[in-house]
């Protein structure tokens, strides 16, 4: 999988941060904070891009992966609700130990960046990854996501393994969402979840990922 990205660098004092963004605007994609959980609404292209960037986060432990999308049009079947807000998303490896409180300053220092194309392996659900899923339920497991919200941005912090193993959710939406919706008129929603029972969430809320092909313009 070839993924066009833009590489940005921002310096705060003696520390330089590397920020990776998709090279093209992330259009038909919305991340909604419902307080008790989060909803991601994605069209096919956005779901592919999410899967690619999720995979990139697994192999880029020294980078912040930024998906800017707050302010995008809402899905036609899910108009904005009172008490909800749209968020940007940042994916980062736990070893980076980045404080979300610094994000606003880092974001303000990002320049135009440098275009680059990275080549990624396609996420695959293998027998080994199924074994990893079972092992997640043991108390000593440390491959968990943790979340923080700051400056209208959701920070998803995790290990390389948990990013790699969960990228398949977005690939599943991209592959199966477009074909599912037309043949299920009574419930035209293709949904997958990063669920609390899946053993991938530590201090983190559930995320529903839903295919959507109609947006409020």
C-alpha atoms as a PDB file:
ATOM      1  CA  UNK A   1       0.000   0.000   0.000  1.00  0.00           C
ATOM      2  CA  UNK A   2       1.431   3.370  -1.051  1.00  0.00           C
ATOM      3  CA  UNK A   3       0.461   6.267   1.174  1.00  0.00           C
ATOM      4  CA  UNK A   4       1.144   9.917   0.205  1.00  0.00           C
ATOM      5  CA  UNK A   5       1.900  11.984   3.297  1.00  0.00           C
ATOM      6  CA  UNK A   6       3.334  15.348   4.265  1.00  0.00           C
ATOM      7  CA  UNK A   7       6.174  15.462   6.798  1.00  0.00           C
ATOM      8  CA  UNK A   8       6.231  18.500   9.084  1.00  0.00           C
ATOM      9  CA  UNK A   9       8.726  19.470  11.769  1.00  0.00           C
ATOM     10  CA  UNK A  10       8.138  21.857  14.650  1.00  0.00           C
ATOM     11  CA  UNK A  11      10.574  22.933  17.348  1.00  0.00           C
ATOM     12  CA  UNK A  12       9.658  23.810  20.917  1.00  0.00           C
ATOM     13  CA  UNK A  13      12.798  24.937  22.708  1.00  0.00           C
ATOM     14  CA  UNK A  14      15.455  22.226  22.353  1.00  0.00           C
ATOM     15  CA  UNK A  15      12.965  19.574  21.198  1.00  0.00           C
ATOM     16  CA  UNK A  16      11.949  18.981  17.568  1.00  0.00           C
ATOM     17  CA  UNK A  17       8.731  17.129  16.816  1.00  0.00           C
ATOM     18  CA  UNK A  18       7.965  15.239  13.617  1.00  0.00           C
ATOM     19  CA  UNK A  19       4.334  15.434  12.526  1.00  0.00           C
ATOM     20  CA  UNK A  20       2.937  13.332   9.665  1.00  0.00           C
ATOM     21  CA  UNK A  21      -0.293  14.307   7.930  1.00  0.00           C
ATOM     22  CA  UNK A  22      -2.115  12.877   4.900  1.00  0.00           C
ATOM     23  CA  UNK A  23      -0.891  14.660   1.770  1.00  0.00           C
ATOM     24  CA  UNK A  24      -4.425  15.343   0.552  1.00  0.00           C
ATOM     25  CA  UNK A  25      -7.236  16.851   2.650  1.00  0.00           C
ATOM     26  CA  UNK A  26      -9.178  14.305   4.674  1.00  0.00           C
ATOM     27  CA  UNK A  27     -12.657  15.111   3.372  1.00  0.00           C
ATOM     28  CA  UNK A  28     -15.514  12.675   4.034  1.00  0.00           C
ATOM     29  CA  UNK A  29     -14.444  11.811   7.560  1.00  0.00           C
ATOM     30  CA  UNK A  30     -15.797  12.939  10.919  1.00  0.00           C
ATOM     31  CA  UNK A  31     -14.835  11.984  14.481  1.00  0.00           C
ATOM     32  CA  UNK A  32     -17.605  12.825  16.964  1.00  0.00           C
ATOM     33  CA  UNK A  33     -17.193  12.956  20.737  1.00  0.00           C
ATOM     34  CA  UNK A  34     -20.370  11.722  22.451  1.00  0.00           C
ATOM     35  CA  UNK A  35     -18.805  11.893  25.921  1.00  0.00           C
ATOM     36  CA  UNK A  36     -19.546   8.213  26.701  1.00  0.00           C
ATOM     37  CA  UNK A  37     -18.059   6.972  23.401  1.00  0.00           C
ATOM     38  CA  UNK A  38     -16.689   8.180  20.055  1.00  0.00           C
ATOM     39  CA  UNK A  39     -18.067   7.740  16.537  1.00  0.00           C
ATOM     40  CA  UNK A  40     -15.960   7.818  13.375  1.00  0.00           C
ATOM     41  CA  UNK A  41     -17.938   8.209  10.129  1.00  0.00           C
ATOM     42  CA  UNK A  42     -15.870   7.460   7.017  1.00  0.00           C
ATOM     43  CA  UNK A  43     -16.371   7.005   3.304  1.00  0.00           C
ATOM     44  CA  UNK A  44     -14.360   4.351   1.483  1.00  0.00           C
ATOM     45  CA  UNK A  45     -11.358   6.560   0.694  1.00  0.00           C
ATOM     46  CA  UNK A  46     -11.183   7.938   4.230  1.00  0.00           C
ATOM     47  CA  UNK A  47     -11.407   4.422   5.712  1.00  0.00           C
ATOM     48  CA  UNK A  48      -8.477   3.306   3.523  1.00  0.00           C
ATOM     49  CA  UNK A  49      -6.515   6.340   4.650  1.00  0.00           C
ATOM     50  CA  UNK A  50      -7.281   5.688   8.323  1.00  0.00           C
ATOM     51  CA  UNK A  51      -6.114   2.097   7.919  1.00  0.00           C
ATOM     52  CA  UNK A  52      -2.898   3.255   6.288  1.00  0.00           C
ATOM     53  CA  UNK A  53      -2.153   5.899   8.912  1.00  0.00           C
ATOM     54  CA  UNK A  54      -3.006   3.441  11.728  1.00  0.00           C
ATOM     55  CA  UNK A  55      -0.440   1.059  10.196  1.00  0.00           C
ATOM     56  CA  UNK A  56       2.063   3.895   9.812  1.00  0.00           C
ATOM     57  CA  UNK A  57       1.685   4.726  13.513  1.00  0.00           C
ATOM     58  CA  UNK A  58       2.819   1.172  14.297  1.00  0.00           C
ATOM     59  CA  UNK A  59       6.106   1.701  12.452  1.00  0.00           C
ATOM     60  CA  UNK A  60       6.759   5.377  13.335  1.00  0.00           C
ATOM     61  CA  UNK A  61       7.308   5.488  17.110  1.00  0.00           C
ATOM     62  CA  UNK A  62       9.027   8.900  16.968  1.00  0.00           C
ATOM     63  CA  UNK A  63       6.243  10.670  15.046  1.00  0.00           C
ATOM     64  CA  UNK A  64       2.878  12.245  15.707  1.00  0.00           C
ATOM     65  CA  UNK A  65       0.337  11.134  13.082  1.00  0.00           C
ATOM     66  CA  UNK A  66      -2.177  13.980  12.684  1.00  0.00           C
ATOM     67  CA  UNK A  67      -5.556  13.543  10.961  1.00  0.00           C
ATOM     68  CA  UNK A  68      -7.156  17.024  10.690  1.00  0.00           C
ATOM     69  CA  UNK A  69     -10.922  16.741  10.147  1.00  0.00           C
ATOM     70  CA  UNK A  70     -12.859  18.813  12.702  1.00  0.00           C
ATOM     71  CA  UNK A  71     -15.199  21.120  10.885  1.00  0.00           C
ATOM     72  CA  UNK A  72     -15.870  18.617   8.084  1.00  0.00           C
ATOM     73  CA  UNK A  73     -19.505  18.165   6.959  1.00  0.00           C
ATOM     74  CA  UNK A  74     -21.519  15.755   9.087  1.00  0.00           C
ATOM     75  CA  UNK A  75     -23.047  12.509   7.746  1.00  0.00           C
ATOM     76  CA  UNK A  76     -26.490  13.084   6.243  1.00  0.00           C
ATOM     77  CA  UNK A  77     -28.096  10.462   8.502  1.00  0.00           C
ATOM     78  CA  UNK A  78     -26.395  11.792  11.657  1.00  0.00           C
ATOM     79  CA  UNK A  79     -26.900  15.573  11.871  1.00  0.00           C
ATOM     80  CA  UNK A  80     -24.968  17.327  14.658  1.00  0.00           C
ATOM     81  CA  UNK A  81     -26.411  16.737  18.125  1.00  0.00           C
ATOM     82  CA  UNK A  82     -26.425  19.123  21.072  1.00  0.00           C
ATOM     83  CA  UNK A  83     -23.633  18.291  23.496  1.00  0.00           C
ATOM     84  CA  UNK A  84     -21.370  16.655  20.897  1.00  0.00           C
ATOM     85  CA  UNK A  85     -18.258  18.028  19.224  1.00  0.00           C
ATOM     86  CA  UNK A  86     -16.046  17.100  16.314  1.00  0.00           C
ATOM     87  CA  UNK A  87     -12.393  16.313  16.941  1.00  0.00           C
ATOM     88  CA  UNK A  88      -9.128  16.001  15.096  1.00  0.00           C
ATOM     89  CA  UNK A  89      -7.098  12.843  15.754  1.00  0.00           C
ATOM     90  CA  UNK A  90      -3.451  12.269  16.680  1.00  0.00           C
ATOM     91  CA  UNK A  91      -1.943   8.763  16.784  1.00  0.00           C
ATOM     92  CA  UNK A  92       1.280   8.278  18.723  1.00  0.00           C
ATOM     93  CA  UNK A  93       3.463   5.571  20.224  1.00  0.00           C
ATOM     94  CA  UNK A  94       3.523   5.498  24.029  1.00  0.00           C
ATOM     95  CA  UNK A  95       7.345   5.644  24.106  1.00  0.00           C
ATOM     96  CA  UNK A  96       7.225   9.176  22.690  1.00  0.00           C
ATOM     97  CA  UNK A  97       5.779  10.366  26.021  1.00  0.00           C
ATOM     98  CA  UNK A  98       4.267  13.422  24.357  1.00  0.00           C
ATOM     99  CA  UNK A  99       2.197  15.696  26.593  1.00  0.00           C
ATOM    100  CA  UNK A 100      -1.079  16.636  24.822  1.00  0.00           C
ATOM    101  CA  UNK A 101      -0.882  20.048  26.517  1.00  0.00           C
ATOM    102  CA  UNK A 102       1.989  20.873  24.118  1.00  0.00           C
ATOM    103  CA  UNK A 103      -0.020  20.079  21.013  1.00  0.00           C
ATOM    104  CA  UNK A 104      -1.481  23.544  20.481  1.00  0.00           C
ATOM    105  CA  UNK A 105       2.013  25.066  20.367  1.00  0.00           C
ATOM    106  CA  UNK A 106       3.333  22.317  18.077  1.00  0.00           C
ATOM    107  CA  UNK A 107       0.364  22.666  15.713  1.00  0.00           C
ATOM    108  CA  UNK A 108       0.859  26.438  15.490  1.00  0.00           C
ATOM    109  CA  UNK A 109       4.473  25.963  14.359  1.00  0.00           C
ATOM    110  CA  UNK A 110       3.793  23.544  11.501  1.00  0.00           C
ATOM    111  CA  UNK A 111       4.861  24.848   8.111  1.00  0.00           C
ATOM    112  CA  UNK A 112       3.902  23.577   4.630  1.00  0.00           C
ATOM    113  CA  UNK A 113       5.886  20.386   5.130  1.00  0.00           C
ATOM    114  CA  UNK A 114       7.502  18.042   2.615  1.00  0.00           C
ATOM    115  CA  UNK A 115       5.604  15.572   0.451  1.00  0.00           C
ATOM    116  CA  UNK A 116       6.631  11.927   0.580  1.00  0.00           C
ATOM    117  CA  UNK A 117       5.184   8.536  -0.346  1.00  0.00           C
ATOM    118  CA  UNK A 118       5.567   5.678   2.114  1.00  0.00           C
ATOM    119  CA  UNK A 119       5.006   2.001   1.342  1.00  0.00           C
ATOM    120  CA  UNK A 120       3.093   0.019   3.951  1.00  0.00           C
ATOM    121  CA  UNK A 121       2.130  -3.640   4.275  1.00  0.00           C
ATOM    122  CA  UNK A 122      -1.610  -4.266   4.074  1.00  0.00           C
ATOM    123  CA  UNK A 123      -3.135  -5.133   7.474  1.00  0.00           C
ATOM    124  CA  UNK A 124      -3.994  -8.842   7.615  1.00  0.00           C
ATOM    125  CA  UNK A 125      -5.966 -10.776  10.254  1.00  0.00           C
ATOM    126  CA  UNK A 126      -3.822 -13.878  10.707  1.00  0.00           C
ATOM    127  CA  UNK A 127      -3.983 -16.756  13.169  1.00  0.00           C
ATOM    128  CA  UNK A 128      -1.188 -15.065  15.134  1.00  0.00           C
ATOM    129  CA  UNK A 129      -3.201 -11.859  15.484  1.00  0.00           C
ATOM    130  CA  UNK A 130      -6.165 -13.893  16.741  1.00  0.00           C
ATOM    131  CA  UNK A 131      -3.898 -15.367  19.403  1.00  0.00           C
ATOM    132  CA  UNK A 132      -2.809 -11.811  20.307  1.00  0.00           C
ATOM    133  CA  UNK A 133      -6.454 -10.857  20.718  1.00  0.00           C
ATOM    134  CA  UNK A 134      -7.034 -13.691  23.170  1.00  0.00           C
ATOM    135  CA  UNK A 135      -3.896 -12.799  25.142  1.00  0.00           C
ATOM    136  CA  UNK A 136      -5.047  -9.193  25.529  1.00  0.00           C
ATOM    137  CA  UNK A 137      -7.496 -10.228  28.210  1.00  0.00           C
ATOM    138  CA  UNK A 138      -4.721 -11.261  30.596  1.00  0.00           C
ATOM    139  CA  UNK A 139      -4.010  -8.796  33.396  1.00  0.00           C
ATOM    140  CA  UNK A 140      -0.325  -8.373  32.450  1.00  0.00           C
ATOM    141  CA  UNK A 141      -1.107  -7.214  28.900  1.00  0.00           C
ATOM    142  CA  UNK A 142       0.285  -3.746  28.194  1.00  0.00           C
ATOM    143  CA  UNK A 143      -0.685  -3.367  24.538  1.00  0.00           C
ATOM    144  CA  UNK A 144      -3.609  -1.066  25.218  1.00  0.00           C
ATOM    145  CA  UNK A 145      -4.838   2.257  23.880  1.00  0.00           C
ATOM    146  CA  UNK A 146      -5.062   5.289  26.117  1.00  0.00           C
ATOM    147  CA  UNK A 147      -6.870   8.491  25.191  1.00  0.00           C
ATOM    148  CA  UNK A 148      -6.672  12.168  26.023  1.00  0.00           C
ATOM    149  CA  UNK A 149      -8.608  15.089  24.545  1.00  0.00           C
ATOM    150  CA  UNK A 150      -6.900  18.459  24.302  1.00  0.00           C
ATOM    151  CA  UNK A 151      -7.216  21.434  21.931  1.00  0.00           C
ATOM    152  CA  UNK A 152     -10.163  19.810  20.118  1.00  0.00           C
ATOM    153  CA  UNK A 153      -8.012  16.768  19.372  1.00  0.00           C
ATOM    154  CA  UNK A 154      -8.263  13.117  20.430  1.00  0.00           C
ATOM    155  CA  UNK A 155      -4.890  11.566  21.244  1.00  0.00           C
ATOM    156  CA  UNK A 156      -4.739   7.789  20.758  1.00  0.00           C
ATOM    157  CA  UNK A 157      -1.599   6.484  22.474  1.00  0.00           C
ATOM    158  CA  UNK A 158      -0.604   2.844  22.108  1.00  0.00           C
ATOM    159  CA  UNK A 159       2.053   0.285  21.238  1.00  0.00           C
ATOM    160  CA  UNK A 160       3.124  -0.790  17.769  1.00  0.00           C
ATOM    161  CA  UNK A 161       1.270  -4.080  18.257  1.00  0.00           C
ATOM    162  CA  UNK A 162      -2.079  -2.541  19.178  1.00  0.00           C
ATOM    163  CA  UNK A 163      -1.946  -0.111  16.237  1.00  0.00           C
ATOM    164  CA  UNK A 164      -0.982  -2.916  13.858  1.00  0.00           C
ATOM    165  CA  UNK A 165      -3.667  -5.305  15.128  1.00  0.00           C
ATOM    166  CA  UNK A 166      -6.526  -2.766  15.030  1.00  0.00           C
ATOM    167  CA  UNK A 167      -5.831  -1.193  11.625  1.00  0.00           C
ATOM    168  CA  UNK A 168      -7.949  -3.997  10.148  1.00  0.00           C
ATOM    169  CA  UNK A 169     -11.137  -2.328  11.424  1.00  0.00           C
ATOM    170  CA  UNK A 170     -10.730   0.485   8.912  1.00  0.00           C
ATOM    171  CA  UNK A 171      -9.721  -1.832   6.076  1.00  0.00           C
ATOM    172  CA  UNK A 172     -12.860  -3.869   6.828  1.00  0.00           C
ATOM    173  CA  UNK A 173     -15.021  -0.737   6.485  1.00  0.00           C
ATOM    174  CA  UNK A 174     -13.320   0.253   3.217  1.00  0.00           C
ATOM    175  CA  UNK A 175     -13.695  -3.218   1.703  1.00  0.00           C
ATOM    176  CA  UNK A 176     -17.176  -4.148   2.862  1.00  0.00           C
ATOM    177  CA  UNK A 177     -19.057  -0.926   3.603  1.00  0.00           C
ATOM    178  CA  UNK A 178     -19.812   0.125  -0.005  1.00  0.00           C
ATOM    179  CA  UNK A 179     -21.259  -3.294  -0.895  1.00  0.00           C
ATOM    180  CA  UNK A 180     -23.208  -3.748   2.325  1.00  0.00           C
ATOM    181  CA  UNK A 181     -25.190  -0.504   2.366  1.00  0.00           C
ATOM    182  CA  UNK A 182     -27.124  -0.870  -0.951  1.00  0.00           C
ATOM    183  CA  UNK A 183     -28.376  -4.390  -0.166  1.00  0.00           C
ATOM    184  CA  UNK A 184     -29.534  -3.662   3.404  1.00  0.00           C
ATOM    185  CA  UNK A 185     -32.110  -0.873   2.981  1.00  0.00           C
ATOM    186  CA  UNK A 186     -33.752  -1.540   6.359  1.00  0.00           C
ATOM    187  CA  UNK A 187     -30.491  -0.966   8.200  1.00  0.00           C
ATOM    188  CA  UNK A 188     -27.977   0.501   5.736  1.00  0.00           C
ATOM    189  CA  UNK A 189     -25.135   0.791   8.221  1.00  0.00           C
ATOM    190  CA  UNK A 190     -21.857  -1.088   8.159  1.00  0.00           C
ATOM    191  CA  UNK A 191     -20.227  -0.700  11.573  1.00  0.00           C
ATOM    192  CA  UNK A 192     -17.193  -2.093  13.360  1.00  0.00           C
ATOM    193  CA  UNK A 193     -15.967  -1.193  16.829  1.00  0.00           C
ATOM    194  CA  UNK A 194     -12.911  -0.846  18.995  1.00  0.00           C
ATOM    195  CA  UNK A 195     -14.943  -2.388  21.786  1.00  0.00           C
ATOM    196  CA  UNK A 196     -14.304  -2.439  25.522  1.00  0.00           C
ATOM    197  CA  UNK A 197     -14.526  -6.258  25.507  1.00  0.00           C
ATOM    198  CA  UNK A 198     -11.844  -6.626  22.819  1.00  0.00           C
ATOM    199  CA  UNK A 199      -8.975  -6.141  25.262  1.00  0.00           C
ATOM    200  CA  UNK A 200      -7.428  -3.201  23.362  1.00  0.00           C
ATOM    201  CA  UNK A 201      -8.700  -0.288  25.484  1.00  0.00           C
ATOM    202  CA  UNK A 202      -7.017   0.811  28.663  1.00  0.00           C
ATOM    203  CA  UNK A 203      -7.918   4.338  29.760  1.00  0.00           C
ATOM    204  CA  UNK A 204      -9.938   4.817  26.583  1.00  0.00           C
ATOM    205  CA  UNK A 205     -13.517   4.969  25.361  1.00  0.00           C
ATOM    206  CA  UNK A 206     -15.063   2.746  22.712  1.00  0.00           C
ATOM    207  CA  UNK A 207     -14.906   3.917  19.103  1.00  0.00           C
ATOM    208  CA  UNK A 208     -17.603   2.995  16.578  1.00  0.00           C
ATOM    209  CA  UNK A 209     -16.391   3.118  12.981  1.00  0.00           C
ATOM    210  CA  UNK A 210     -19.212   3.448  10.453  1.00  0.00           C
ATOM    211  CA  UNK A 211     -19.188   3.533   6.656  1.00  0.00           C
ATOM    212  CA  UNK A 212     -21.018   6.561   5.265  1.00  0.00           C
ATOM    213  CA  UNK A 213     -21.472   7.702   1.646  1.00  0.00           C
ATOM    214  CA  UNK A 214     -23.819  10.703   2.093  1.00  0.00           C
ATOM    215  CA  UNK A 215     -22.822  13.969   3.748  1.00  0.00           C
ATOM    216  CA  UNK A 216     -24.408  17.329   4.600  1.00  0.00           C
ATOM    217  CA  UNK A 217     -22.942  19.914   2.215  1.00  0.00           C
END
